[in-house]
Amino acid sequence: MERELAEHRGRPIIMVTHMLTHPYFKVPMPHPRWSYFNAFLGSAEYADLYRQYNVRYGIMGHVHYRKTFAAEGTEMICACLGYRREWRQASVVQEIRDCLYILTL
């Protein structure tokens, strides 16, 4: 991943990963089921790459909730659709609309 980021240094970068890239997105604690599994959701080392390569957007998944966070010039987006049983809306159209983001480069 770092090699690819280096190839595009100086250009607007959107880094997309399945894994979490910042500790902000871990499952909030205390949570009996997730206290152990949080360690396997991603790595804070990805956040180092954001800084080093001036990543504008970091899009991630792996967890089934939606959050955003901005730090040091990177807007991080976790906009997972999740499983149907986790949806907040009865309408699939509305649930998908709730997941969408418009990125500006």
PDB file of N, CA and C in Angstrom:
ATOM      1  N   MET A   1       0.817  -1.179   0.000  1.00  0.00           N
ATOM      2  CA  MET A   1       0.000   0.000   0.000  1.00  0.00           C
ATOM      3  C   MET A   1       0.868   1.253   0.000  1.00  0.00           C
ATOM      4  N   GLU A   2       1.947   1.218   0.759  1.00  0.00           N
ATOM      5  CA  GLU A   2       2.806   2.394   0.813  1.00  0.00           C
ATOM      6  C   GLU A   2       3.454   2.665  -0.541  1.00  0.00           C
ATOM      7  N   ARG A   3       3.814   1.618  -1.267  1.00  0.00           N
ATOM      8  CA  ARG A   3       4.395   1.809  -2.594  1.00  0.00           C
ATOM      9  C   ARG A   3       3.404   2.519  -3.514  1.00  0.00           C
ATOM     10  N   GLU A   4       2.140   2.117  -3.464  1.00  0.00           N
ATOM     11  CA  GLU A   4       1.127   2.754  -4.299  1.00  0.00           C
ATOM     12  C   GLU A   4       0.883   4.201  -3.878  1.00  0.00           C
ATOM     13  N   LEU A   5       0.883   4.456  -2.576  1.00  0.00           N
ATOM     14  CA  LEU A   5       0.726   5.831  -2.107  1.00  0.00           C
ATOM     15  C   LEU A   5       1.891   6.694  -2.589  1.00  0.00           C
ATOM     16  N   ALA A   6       3.096   6.161  -2.531  1.00  0.00           N
ATOM     17  CA  ALA A   6       4.278   6.905  -2.967  1.00  0.00           C
ATOM     18  C   ALA A   6       4.196   7.244  -4.459  1.00  0.00           C
ATOM     19  N   GLU A   7       3.640   6.338  -5.261  1.00  0.00           N
ATOM     20  CA  GLU A   7       3.498   6.580  -6.696  1.00  0.00           C
ATOM     21  C   GLU A   7       2.587   7.769  -6.988  1.00  0.00           C
ATOM     22  N   HIS A   8       1.690   8.083  -6.072  1.00  0.00           N
ATOM     23  CA  HIS A   8       0.709   9.137  -6.302  1.00  0.00           C
ATOM     24  C   HIS A   8       0.894  10.343  -5.379  1.00  0.00           C
ATOM     25  N   ARG A   9       2.049  10.412  -4.764  1.00  0.00           N
ATOM     26  CA  ARG A   9       2.348  11.537  -3.867  1.00  0.00           C
ATOM     27  C   ARG A   9       2.140  12.850  -4.612  1.00  0.00           C
ATOM     28  N   GLY A  10       1.531  13.810  -3.904  1.00  0.00           N
ATOM     29  CA  GLY A  10       1.298  15.117  -4.506  1.00  0.00           C
ATOM     30  C   GLY A  10      -0.032  15.230  -5.235  1.00  0.00           C
ATOM     31  N   ARG A  11      -0.727  14.128  -5.399  1.00  0.00           N
ATOM     32  CA  ARG A  11      -2.052  14.140  -6.031  1.00  0.00           C
ATOM     33  C   ARG A  11      -3.099  13.923  -4.950  1.00  0.00           C
ATOM     34  N   PRO A  12      -4.341  14.319  -5.206  1.00  0.00           N
ATOM     35  CA  PRO A  12      -5.391  14.020  -4.223  1.00  0.00           C
ATOM     36  C   PRO A  12      -5.544  12.503  -4.064  1.00  0.00           C
ATOM     37  N   ILE A  13      -5.486  12.028  -2.835  1.00  0.00           N
ATOM     38  CA  ILE A  13      -5.521  10.583  -2.593  1.00  0.00           C
ATOM     39  C   ILE A  13      -6.747  10.217  -1.765  1.00  0.00           C
ATOM     40  N   ILE A  14      -7.441   9.194  -2.230  1.00  0.00           N
ATOM     41  CA  ILE A  14      -8.512   8.555  -1.470  1.00  0.00           C
ATOM     42  C   ILE A  14      -8.006   7.149  -1.166  1.00  0.00           C
ATOM     43  N   MET A  15      -7.816   6.854   0.101  1.00  0.00           N
ATOM     44  CA  MET A  15      -7.320   5.534   0.513  1.00  0.00           C
ATOM     45  C   MET A  15      -8.515   4.717   1.015  1.00  0.00           C
ATOM     46  N   VAL A  16      -8.763   3.590   0.375  1.00  0.00           N
ATOM     47  CA  VAL A  16      -9.905   2.749   0.718  1.00  0.00           C
ATOM     48  C   VAL A  16      -9.388   1.418   1.248  1.00  0.00           C
ATOM     49  N   THR A  17      -9.838   1.067   2.442  1.00  0.00           N
ATOM     50  CA  THR A  17      -9.453  -0.206   3.044  1.00  0.00           C
ATOM     51  C   THR A  17     -10.687  -0.885   3.625  1.00  0.00           C
ATOM     52  N   HIS A  18     -10.605  -2.166   3.779  1.00  0.00           N
ATOM     53  CA  HIS A  18     -11.660  -2.869   4.497  1.00  0.00           C
ATOM     54  C   HIS A  18     -11.439  -2.700   6.005  1.00  0.00           C
ATOM     55  N   MET A  19     -10.198  -2.719   6.409  1.00  0.00           N
ATOM     56  CA  MET A  19      -9.849  -2.646   7.826  1.00  0.00           C
ATOM     57  C   MET A  19      -9.984  -1.220   8.345  1.00  0.00           C
ATOM     58  N   LEU A  20     -10.137  -1.108   9.663  1.00  0.00           N
ATOM     59  CA  LEU A  20     -10.157   0.211  10.289  1.00  0.00           C
ATOM     60  C   LEU A  20      -8.769   0.816  10.241  1.00  0.00           C
ATOM     61  N   THR A  21      -8.720   2.124  10.055  1.00  0.00           N
ATOM     62  CA  THR A  21      -7.425   2.790   9.903  1.00  0.00           C
ATOM     63  C   THR A  21      -7.128   3.796  11.009  1.00  0.00           C
ATOM     64  N   HIS A  22      -8.031   3.911  11.962  1.00  0.00           N
ATOM     65  CA  HIS A  22      -7.820   4.865  13.047  1.00  0.00           C
ATOM     66  C   HIS A  22      -8.530   4.337  14.292  1.00  0.00           C
ATOM     67  N   PRO A  23      -7.913   4.479  15.457  1.00  0.00           N
ATOM     68  CA  PRO A  23      -8.523   3.958  16.695  1.00  0.00           C
ATOM     69  C   PRO A  23      -9.899   4.542  17.016  1.00  0.00           C
ATOM     70  N   TYR A  24     -10.213   5.721  16.486  1.00  0.00           N
ATOM     71  CA  TYR A  24     -11.514   6.337  16.733  1.00  0.00           C
ATOM     72  C   TYR A  24     -12.670   5.410  16.334  1.00  0.00           C
ATOM     73  N   PHE A  25     -12.430   4.540  15.373  1.00  0.00           N
ATOM     74  CA  PHE A  25     -13.500   3.708  14.815  1.00  0.00           C
ATOM     75  C   PHE A  25     -13.654   2.345  15.485  1.00  0.00           C
ATOM     76  N   LYS A  26     -12.822   2.061  16.471  1.00  0.00           N
ATOM     77  CA  LYS A  26     -12.985   0.796  17.195  1.00  0.00           C
ATOM     78  C   LYS A  26     -14.353   0.751  17.854  1.00  0.00           C
ATOM     79  N   VAL A  27     -14.807  -0.437  18.198  1.00  0.00           N
ATOM     80  CA  VAL A  27     -16.075  -0.583  18.905  1.00  0.00           C
ATOM     81  C   VAL A  27     -15.923   0.060  20.281  1.00  0.00           C
ATOM     82  N   PRO A  28     -16.851   0.963  20.637  1.00  0.00           N
ATOM     83  CA  PRO A  28     -16.743   1.640  21.941  1.00  0.00           C
ATOM     84  C   PRO A  28     -16.763   0.642  23.100  1.00  0.00           C
ATOM     85  N   MET A  29     -15.967   0.924  24.099  1.00  0.00           N
ATOM     86  CA  MET A  29     -15.861   0.062  25.278  1.00  0.00           C
ATOM     87  C   MET A  29     -16.552   0.729  26.459  1.00  0.00           C
ATOM     88  N   PRO A  30     -16.932   0.028  27.460  1.00  0.00           N
ATOM     89  CA  PRO A  30     -16.817  -1.431  27.575  1.00  0.00           C
ATOM     90  C   PRO A  30     -17.893  -2.133  26.759  1.00  0.00           C
ATOM     91  N   HIS A  31     -17.513  -3.235  26.184  1.00  0.00           N
ATOM     92  CA  HIS A  31     -18.428  -4.067  25.406  1.00  0.00           C
ATOM     93  C   HIS A  31     -17.931  -5.497  25.544  1.00  0.00           C
ATOM     94  N   PRO A  32     -18.662  -6.348  26.240  1.00  0.00           N
ATOM     95  CA  PRO A  32     -18.158  -7.684  26.571  1.00  0.00           C
ATOM     96  C   PRO A  32     -17.751  -8.523  25.360  1.00  0.00           C
ATOM     97  N   ARG A  33     -18.475  -8.408  24.258  1.00  0.00           N
ATOM     98  CA  ARG A  33     -18.141  -9.212  23.083  1.00  0.00           C
ATOM     99  C   ARG A  33     -16.939  -8.679  22.336  1.00  0.00           C
ATOM    100  N   TRP A  34     -16.716  -7.375  22.382  1.00  0.00           N
ATOM    101  CA  TRP A  34     -15.709  -6.765  21.527  1.00  0.00           C
ATOM    102  C   TRP A  34     -14.414  -6.383  22.230  1.00  0.00           C
ATOM    103  N   SER A  35     -14.327  -6.516  23.526  1.00  0.00           N
ATOM    104  CA  SER A  35     -13.105  -6.095  24.211  1.00  0.00           C
ATOM    105  C   SER A  35     -11.884  -6.838  23.664  1.00  0.00           C
ATOM    106  N   TYR A  36     -12.033  -8.081  23.299  1.00  0.00           N
ATOM    107  CA  TYR A  36     -10.935  -8.864  22.719  1.00  0.00           C
ATOM    108  C   TYR A  36     -10.787  -8.572  21.219  1.00  0.00           C
ATOM    109  N   PHE A  37     -11.908  -8.527  20.487  1.00  0.00           N
ATOM    110  CA  PHE A  37     -11.864  -8.451  19.027  1.00  0.00           C
ATOM    111  C   PHE A  37     -11.457  -7.088  18.483  1.00  0.00           C
ATOM    112  N   ASN A  38     -11.548  -6.036  19.263  1.00  0.00           N
ATOM    113  CA  ASN A  38     -11.114  -4.718  18.802  1.00  0.00           C
ATOM    114  C   ASN A  38      -9.676  -4.747  18.286  1.00  0.00           C
ATOM    115  N   ALA A  39      -8.866  -5.601  18.860  1.00  0.00           N
ATOM    116  CA  ALA A  39      -7.456  -5.682  18.457  1.00  0.00           C
ATOM    117  C   ALA A  39      -7.282  -6.168  17.019  1.00  0.00           C
ATOM    118  N   PHE A  40      -8.297  -6.776  16.438  1.00  0.00           N
ATOM    119  CA  PHE A  40      -8.176  -7.374  15.107  1.00  0.00           C
ATOM    120  C   PHE A  40      -8.951  -6.613  14.035  1.00  0.00           C
ATOM    121  N   LEU A  41      -9.457  -5.443  14.359  1.00  0.00           N
ATOM    122  CA  LEU A  41     -10.276  -4.692  13.412  1.00  0.00           C
ATOM    123  C   LEU A  41      -9.462  -3.823  12.462  1.00  0.00           C
ATOM    124  N   GLY A  42      -8.212  -3.555  12.792  1.00  0.00           N
ATOM    125  CA  GLY A  42      -7.402  -2.702  11.934  1.00  0.00           C
ATOM    126  C   GLY A  42      -6.100  -2.354  12.601  1.00  0.00           C
ATOM    127  N   SER A  43      -5.492  -1.251  12.147  1.00  0.00           N
ATOM    128  CA  SER A  43      -4.200  -0.848  12.687  1.00  0.00           C
ATOM    129  C   SER A  43      -4.055   0.670  12.642  1.00  0.00           C
ATOM    130  N   ALA A  44      -3.526   1.226  13.696  1.00  0.00           N
ATOM    131  CA  ALA A  44      -3.246   2.665  13.742  1.00  0.00           C
ATOM    132  C   ALA A  44      -2.111   3.045  12.795  1.00  0.00           C
ATOM    133  N   GLU A  45      -1.354   2.080  12.305  1.00  0.00           N
ATOM    134  CA  GLU A  45      -0.270   2.375  11.367  1.00  0.00           C
ATOM    135  C   GLU A  45      -0.797   2.954  10.057  1.00  0.00           C
ATOM    136  N   TYR A  46      -2.035   2.649   9.713  1.00  0.00           N
ATOM    137  CA  TYR A  46      -2.634   3.256   8.523  1.00  0.00           C
ATOM    138  C   TYR A  46      -2.735   4.770   8.698  1.00  0.00           C
ATOM    139  N   ALA A  47      -3.064   5.219   9.901  1.00  0.00           N
ATOM    140  CA  ALA A  47      -3.155   6.656  10.167  1.00  0.00           C
ATOM    141  C   ALA A  47      -1.805   7.331   9.927  1.00  0.00           C
ATOM    142  N   ASP A  48      -0.707   6.630  10.197  1.00  0.00           N
ATOM    143  CA  ASP A  48       0.623   7.168   9.896  1.00  0.00           C
ATOM    144  C   ASP A  48       0.773   7.406   8.394  1.00  0.00           C
ATOM    145  N   LEU A  49       0.228   6.497   7.583  1.00  0.00           N
ATOM    146  CA  LEU A  49       0.291   6.661   6.128  1.00  0.00           C
ATOM    147  C   LEU A  49      -0.527   7.879   5.689  1.00  0.00           C
ATOM    148  N   TYR A  50      -1.648   8.113   6.341  1.00  0.00           N
ATOM    149  CA  TYR A  50      -2.440   9.308   6.025  1.00  0.00           C
ATOM    150  C   TYR A  50      -1.573  10.552   6.144  1.00  0.00           C
ATOM    151  N   ARG A  51      -0.862  10.655   7.241  1.00  0.00           N
ATOM    152  CA  ARG A  51      -0.018  11.837   7.479  1.00  0.00           C
ATOM    153  C   ARG A  51       1.129  11.903   6.487  1.00  0.00           C
ATOM    154  N   GLN A  52       1.794  10.789   6.302  1.00  0.00           N
ATOM    155  CA  GLN A  52       2.990  10.765   5.463  1.00  0.00           C
ATOM    156  C   GLN A  52       2.686  11.096   4.003  1.00  0.00           C
ATOM    157  N   TYR A  53       1.521  10.679   3.512  1.00  0.00           N
ATOM    158  CA  TYR A  53       1.194  10.854   2.097  1.00  0.00           C
ATOM    159  C   TYR A  53       0.057  11.840   1.858  1.00  0.00           C
ATOM    160  N   ASN A  54      -0.285  12.621   2.877  1.00  0.00           N
ATOM    161  CA  ASN A  54      -1.327  13.647   2.751  1.00  0.00           C
ATOM    162  C   ASN A  54      -2.615  13.100   2.138  1.00  0.00           C
ATOM    163  N   VAL A  55      -3.082  11.995   2.674  1.00  0.00           N
ATOM    164  CA  VAL A  55      -4.313  11.378   2.189  1.00  0.00           C
ATOM    165  C   VAL A  55      -5.492  12.294   2.526  1.00  0.00           C
ATOM    166  N   ARG A  56      -6.273  12.631   1.529  1.00  0.00           N
ATOM    167  CA  ARG A  56      -7.410  13.543   1.732  1.00  0.00           C
ATOM    168  C   ARG A  56      -8.602  12.831   2.365  1.00  0.00           C
ATOM    169  N   TYR A  57      -8.902  11.637   1.868  1.00  0.00           N
ATOM    170  CA  TYR A  57     -10.019  10.847   2.400  1.00  0.00           C
ATOM    171  C   TYR A  57      -9.548   9.439   2.725  1.00  0.00           C
ATOM    172  N   GLY A  58      -9.961   8.948   3.862  1.00  0.00           N
ATOM    173  CA  GLY A  58      -9.725   7.556   4.244  1.00  0.00           C
ATOM    174  C   GLY A  58     -11.077   6.886   4.414  1.00  0.00           C
ATOM    175  N   ILE A  59     -11.370   5.936   3.561  1.00  0.00           N
ATOM    176  CA  ILE A  59     -12.657   5.240   3.614  1.00  0.00           C
ATOM    177  C   ILE A  59     -12.392   3.819   4.087  1.00  0.00           C
ATOM    178  N   MET A  60     -13.159   3.394   5.084  1.00  0.00           N
ATOM    179  CA  MET A  60     -12.902   2.090   5.684  1.00  0.00           C
ATOM    180  C   MET A  60     -14.200   1.377   6.000  1.00  0.00           C
ATOM    181  N   GLY A  61     -14.081   0.139   6.391  1.00  0.00           N
ATOM    182  CA  GLY A  61     -15.254  -0.652   6.743  1.00  0.00           C
ATOM    183  C   GLY A  61     -14.963  -1.552   7.923  1.00  0.00           C
ATOM    184  N   HIS A  62     -15.363  -2.785   7.793  1.00  0.00           N
ATOM    185  CA  HIS A  62     -15.114  -3.858   8.755  1.00  0.00           C
ATOM    186  C   HIS A  62     -16.076  -3.858   9.941  1.00  0.00           C
ATOM    187  N   VAL A  63     -16.435  -2.706  10.446  1.00  0.00           N
ATOM    188  CA  VAL A  63     -17.440  -2.637  11.506  1.00  0.00           C
ATOM    189  C   VAL A  63     -18.761  -2.241  10.851  1.00  0.00           C
ATOM    190  N   HIS A  64     -19.837  -2.471  11.503  1.00  0.00           N
ATOM    191  CA  HIS A  64     -21.132  -2.240  10.865  1.00  0.00           C
ATOM    192  C   HIS A  64     -21.857  -1.038  11.451  1.00  0.00           C
ATOM    193  N   TYR A  65     -21.140   0.061  11.587  1.00  0.00           N
ATOM    194  CA  TYR A  65     -21.772   1.303  12.008  1.00  0.00           C
ATOM    195  C   TYR A  65     -21.162   2.443  11.201  1.00  0.00           C
ATOM    196  N   ARG A  66     -21.782   3.583  11.282  1.00  0.00           N
ATOM    197  CA  ARG A  66     -21.359   4.729  10.474  1.00  0.00           C
ATOM    198  C   ARG A  66     -20.851   5.849  11.380  1.00  0.00           C
ATOM    199  N   LYS A  67     -19.639   6.276  11.063  1.00  0.00           N
ATOM    200  CA  LYS A  67     -19.030   7.387  11.791  1.00  0.00           C
ATOM    201  C   LYS A  67     -18.102   8.118  10.838  1.00  0.00           C
ATOM    202  N   THR A  68     -17.845   9.372  11.138  1.00  0.00           N
ATOM    203  CA  THR A  68     -16.827  10.129  10.415  1.00  0.00           C
ATOM    204  C   THR A  68     -15.936  10.809  11.446  1.00  0.00           C
ATOM    205  N   PHE A  69     -14.732  11.133  11.009  1.00  0.00           N
ATOM    206  CA  PHE A  69     -13.761  11.755  11.900  1.00  0.00           C
ATOM    207  C   PHE A  69     -12.732  12.451  11.030  1.00  0.00           C
ATOM    208  N   ALA A  70     -12.325  13.645  11.419  1.00  0.00           N
ATOM    209  CA  ALA A  70     -11.292  14.366  10.683  1.00  0.00           C
ATOM    210  C   ALA A  70     -10.105  14.602  11.599  1.00  0.00           C
ATOM    211  N   ALA A  71      -8.914  14.371  11.063  1.00  0.00           N
ATOM    212  CA  ALA A  71      -7.686  14.604  11.823  1.00  0.00           C
ATOM    213  C   ALA A  71      -6.549  14.884  10.861  1.00  0.00           C
ATOM    214  N   GLU A  72      -5.806  15.928  11.143  1.00  0.00           N
ATOM    215  CA  GLU A  72      -4.576  16.257  10.417  1.00  0.00           C
ATOM    216  C   GLU A  72      -4.760  16.267   8.904  1.00  0.00           C
ATOM    217  N   GLY A  73      -5.878  16.834   8.442  1.00  0.00           N
ATOM    218  CA  GLY A  73      -6.097  16.984   7.006  1.00  0.00           C
ATOM    219  C   GLY A  73      -6.746  15.808   6.313  1.00  0.00           C
ATOM    220  N   THR A  74      -7.056  14.748   7.034  1.00  0.00           N
ATOM    221  CA  THR A  74      -7.703  13.583   6.435  1.00  0.00           C
ATOM    222  C   THR A  74      -9.110  13.445   6.987  1.00  0.00           C
ATOM    223  N   GLU A  75     -10.072  13.358   6.080  1.00  0.00           N
ATOM    224  CA  GLU A  75     -11.441  13.069   6.484  1.00  0.00           C
ATOM    225  C   GLU A  75     -11.634  11.561   6.390  1.00  0.00           C
ATOM    226  N   MET A  76     -11.947  10.948   7.520  1.00  0.00           N
ATOM    227  CA  MET A  76     -12.104   9.498   7.579  1.00  0.00           C
ATOM    228  C   MET A  76     -13.588   9.157   7.627  1.00  0.00           C
ATOM    229  N   ILE A  77     -13.971   8.194   6.814  1.00  0.00           N
ATOM    230  CA  ILE A  77     -15.382   7.840   6.671  1.00  0.00           C
ATOM    231  C   ILE A  77     -15.547   6.335   6.817  1.00  0.00           C
ATOM    232  N   CYS A  78     -16.403   5.963   7.723  1.00  0.00           N
ATOM    233  CA  CYS A  78     -16.813   4.571   7.876  1.00  0.00           C
ATOM    234  C   CYS A  78     -18.316   4.576   7.640  1.00  0.00           C
ATOM    235  N   ALA A  79     -18.730   4.212   6.450  1.00  0.00           N
ATOM    236  CA  ALA A  79     -20.144   4.319   6.061  1.00  0.00           C
ATOM    237  C   ALA A  79     -20.695   2.949   5.690  1.00  0.00           C
ATOM    238  N   CYS A  80     -20.507   2.006   6.556  1.00  0.00           N
ATOM    239  CA  CYS A  80     -20.897   0.626   6.282  1.00  0.00           C
ATOM    240  C   CYS A  80     -22.414   0.476   6.172  1.00  0.00           C
ATOM    241  N   LEU A  81     -22.826  -0.339   5.244  1.00  0.00           N
ATOM    242  CA  LEU A  81     -24.240  -0.650   5.119  1.00  0.00           C
ATOM    243  C   LEU A  81     -24.644  -1.676   6.173  1.00  0.00           C
ATOM    244  N   GLY A  82     -23.763  -2.617   6.455  1.00  0.00           N
ATOM    245  CA  GLY A  82     -24.046  -3.618   7.491  1.00  0.00           C
ATOM    246  C   GLY A  82     -25.056  -4.650   7.040  1.00  0.00           C
ATOM    247  N   TYR A  83     -25.478  -5.465   7.970  1.00  0.00           N
ATOM    248  CA  TYR A  83     -26.491  -6.477   7.710  1.00  0.00           C
ATOM    249  C   TYR A  83     -27.879  -5.851   7.820  1.00  0.00           C
ATOM    250  N   ARG A  84     -28.818  -6.401   7.108  1.00  0.00           N
ATOM    251  CA  ARG A  84     -30.185  -5.868   7.141  1.00  0.00           C
ATOM    252  C   ARG A  84     -30.722  -5.777   8.578  1.00  0.00           C
ATOM    253  N   ARG A  85     -30.407  -6.753   9.398  1.00  0.00           N
ATOM    254  CA  ARG A  85     -30.906  -6.736  10.778  1.00  0.00           C
ATOM    255  C   ARG A  85     -30.333  -5.569  11.593  1.00  0.00           C
ATOM    256  N   GLU A  86     -29.275  -4.930  11.075  1.00  0.00           N
ATOM    257  CA  GLU A  86     -28.653  -3.802  11.759  1.00  0.00           C
ATOM    258  C   GLU A  86     -29.150  -2.444  11.248  1.00  0.00           C
ATOM    259  N   TRP A  87     -29.959  -2.455  10.227  1.00  0.00           N
ATOM    260  CA  TRP A  87     -30.424  -1.199   9.634  1.00  0.00           C
ATOM    261  C   TRP A  87     -31.325  -0.440  10.587  1.00  0.00           C
ATOM    262  N   ARG A  88     -31.294   0.876  10.449  1.00  0.00           N
ATOM    263  CA  ARG A  88     -32.149   1.754  11.249  1.00  0.00           C
ATOM    264  C   ARG A  88     -33.449   2.089  10.529  1.00  0.00           C
ATOM    265  N   GLN A  89     -33.448   1.925   9.207  1.00  0.00           N
ATOM    266  CA  GLN A  89     -34.607   2.251   8.379  1.00  0.00           C
ATOM    267  C   GLN A  89     -35.228   0.972   7.817  1.00  0.00           C
ATOM    268  N   ALA A  90     -36.525   0.995   7.582  1.00  0.00           N
ATOM    269  CA  ALA A  90     -37.202  -0.149   6.973  1.00  0.00           C
ATOM    270  C   ALA A  90     -36.947  -0.191   5.464  1.00  0.00           C
ATOM    271  N   SER A  91     -36.656   0.948   4.881  1.00  0.00           N
ATOM    272  CA  SER A  91     -36.477   1.075   3.435  1.00  0.00           C
ATOM    273  C   SER A  91     -35.017   0.891   3.041  1.00  0.00           C
ATOM    274  N   VAL A  92     -34.766  -0.028   2.099  1.00  0.00           N
ATOM    275  CA  VAL A  92     -33.396  -0.225   1.613  1.00  0.00           C
ATOM    276  C   VAL A  92     -32.892   1.045   0.929  1.00  0.00           C
ATOM    277  N   VAL A  93     -33.770   1.735   0.216  1.00  0.00           N
ATOM    278  CA  VAL A  93     -33.375   2.970  -0.467  1.00  0.00           C
ATOM    279  C   VAL A  93     -32.912   4.010   0.549  1.00  0.00           C
ATOM    280  N   GLN A  94     -33.659   4.184   1.615  1.00  0.00           N
ATOM    281  CA  GLN A  94     -33.283   5.169   2.633  1.00  0.00           C
ATOM    282  C   GLN A  94     -31.985   4.760   3.333  1.00  0.00           C
ATOM    283  N   GLU A  95     -31.825   3.491   3.602  1.00  0.00           N
ATOM    284  CA  GLU A  95     -30.609   3.019   4.270  1.00  0.00           C
ATOM    285  C   GLU A  95     -29.385   3.287   3.401  1.00  0.00           C
ATOM    286  N   ILE A  96     -29.495   3.045   2.108  1.00  0.00           N
ATOM    287  CA  ILE A  96     -28.383   3.313   1.188  1.00  0.00           C
ATOM    288  C   ILE A  96     -28.122   4.817   1.106  1.00  0.00           C
ATOM    289  N   ARG A  97     -29.161   5.618   1.046  1.00  0.00           N
ATOM    290  CA  ARG A  97     -28.981   7.077   1.033  1.00  0.00           C
ATOM    291  C   ARG A  97     -28.234   7.551   2.277  1.00  0.00           C
ATOM    292  N   ASP A  98     -28.535   6.927   3.410  1.00  0.00           N
ATOM    293  CA  ASP A  98     -27.867   7.303   4.659  1.00  0.00           C
ATOM    294  C   ASP A  98     -26.380   6.961   4.645  1.00  0.00           C
ATOM    295  N   CYS A  99     -25.968   6.042   3.776  1.00  0.00           N
ATOM    296  CA  CYS A  99     -24.566   5.623   3.680  1.00  0.00           C
ATOM    297  C   CYS A  99     -23.753   6.466   2.701  1.00  0.00           C
ATOM    298  N   LEU A 100     -24.399   7.188   1.819  1.00  0.00           N
ATOM    299  CA  LEU A 100     -23.703   7.869   0.735  1.00  0.00           C
ATOM    300  C   LEU A 100     -22.988   9.134   1.190  1.00  0.00           C
ATOM    301  N   TYR A 101     -21.838   9.370   0.585  1.00  0.00           N
ATOM    302  CA  TYR A 101     -21.055  10.591   0.802  1.00  0.00           C
ATOM    303  C   TYR A 101     -20.625  11.140  -0.543  1.00  0.00           C
ATOM    304  N   ILE A 102     -20.574  12.436  -0.647  1.00  0.00           N
ATOM    305  CA  ILE A 102     -20.018  13.081  -1.825  1.00  0.00           C
ATOM    306  C   ILE A 102     -18.642  13.591  -1.457  1.00  0.00           C
ATOM    307  N   LEU A 103     -17.644  13.155  -2.199  1.00  0.00           N
ATOM    308  CA  LEU A 103     -16.261  13.560  -1.939  1.00  0.00           C
ATOM    309  C   LEU A 103     -15.878  14.661  -2.928  1.00  0.00           C
ATOM    310  N   THR A 104     -15.177  15.658  -2.446  1.00  0.00           N
ATOM    311  CA  THR A 104     -14.723  16.767  -3.275  1.00  0.00           C
ATOM    312  C   THR A 104     -13.200  16.748  -3.300  1.00  0.00           C
ATOM    313  N   LEU A 105     -12.672  16.657  -4.513  1.00  0.00           N
ATOM    314  CA  LEU A 105     -11.204  16.655  -4.666  1.00  0.00           C
ATOM    315  C   LEU A 105     -10.746  17.955  -5.290  1.00  0.00           C
TER     316      LEU A 105
END
